[in-house]
C-alpha cells in the first residue's frame, strides 16, 4: 500500500516555440536536429550527450 502514497514527479512539457529564436528577422534553431530523422526532429540535450527521442540516435559530448 506504500506505493499508492508516493506521487510521481510531474513531467515538464516544452513547447516547440522554445526550440527557435529570432535573430535579425530570421528563425534560428537553438537545439541540434537528428541526422537520421532530418530537420524538424530535435535532439534532447543531456549533461554528457545529445539523443534523439524518435530513433534513439546518440552523440556523446567530448570532455
Protein backbone atom coordinates (compact mmCIF):
# COMPACT_ATOMS: atom_id res chain seq x y z
CA UNK A 1 0.00 0.00 0.00
CA UNK A 2 3.01 2.32 0.35
CA UNK A 3 3.26 2.63 -3.46
CA UNK A 4 -0.05 4.50 -3.63
CA UNK A 5 1.18 7.12 -1.17
CA UNK A 6 4.09 8.14 -3.40
CA UNK A 7 3.42 10.79 -6.01
CA UNK A 8 5.03 10.63 -9.41
CA UNK A 9 7.02 13.72 -10.42
CA UNK A 10 5.23 16.00 -12.83
CA UNK A 11 6.50 16.00 -16.41
CA UNK A 12 7.86 19.26 -17.73
CA UNK A 13 6.37 19.97 -21.14
CA UNK A 14 8.38 22.06 -23.57
CA UNK A 15 6.73 23.94 -26.42
CA UNK A 16 8.14 23.76 -29.97
CA UNK A 17 8.40 27.55 -29.96
CA UNK A 18 11.22 27.24 -27.40
CA UNK A 19 13.38 25.38 -29.96
CA UNK A 20 13.69 28.51 -32.15
CA UNK A 21 14.76 32.12 -31.64
CA UNK A 22 14.54 35.14 -33.94
CA UNK A 23 17.87 36.69 -34.94
CA UNK A 24 17.85 39.69 -37.28
CA UNK A 25 14.37 38.80 -38.53
CA UNK A 26 15.23 35.15 -39.29
CA UNK A 27 14.49 31.97 -37.34
CA UNK A 28 17.43 30.14 -35.83
CA UNK A 29 17.33 26.66 -34.29
CA UNK A 30 18.53 26.51 -30.68
CA UNK A 31 18.82 22.71 -30.47
CA UNK A 32 20.51 20.30 -32.89
CA UNK A 33 18.36 18.19 -35.20
CA UNK A 34 18.75 14.44 -35.70
CA UNK A 35 20.96 13.49 -38.68
CA UNK A 36 18.98 10.27 -39.25
CA UNK A 37 15.43 11.67 -38.91
CA UNK A 38 16.16 15.01 -40.59
CA UNK A 39 15.16 18.59 -39.84
CA UNK A 40 12.18 19.02 -37.54
CA UNK A 41 13.16 16.22 -35.15
CA UNK A 42 15.19 17.80 -32.39
CA UNK A 43 17.64 16.04 -30.13
CA UNK A 44 17.41 16.22 -26.33
CA UNK A 45 20.41 17.72 -24.58
CA UNK A 46 21.76 15.83 -21.57
CA UNK A 47 24.85 16.66 -19.48
CA UNK A 48 27.07 14.16 -21.34
CA UNK A 49 25.21 13.51 -24.62
CA UNK A 50 22.56 14.58 -27.12
CA UNK A 51 19.95 11.98 -28.03
CA UNK A 52 17.04 11.62 -30.45
CA UNK A 53 13.81 10.54 -28.80
CA UNK A 54 12.37 9.20 -32.04
CA UNK A 55 15.06 6.83 -33.35
CA UNK A 56 17.45 6.62 -30.39
CA UNK A 57 20.49 8.11 -32.17
CA UNK A 58 23.01 9.36 -29.57
CA UNK A 59 26.11 11.53 -29.79
CA UNK A 60 28.36 11.76 -26.75
CA UNK A 61 29.86 15.12 -25.84
CA UNK A 62 33.63 15.38 -25.66
CA UNK A 63 35.14 16.46 -22.36
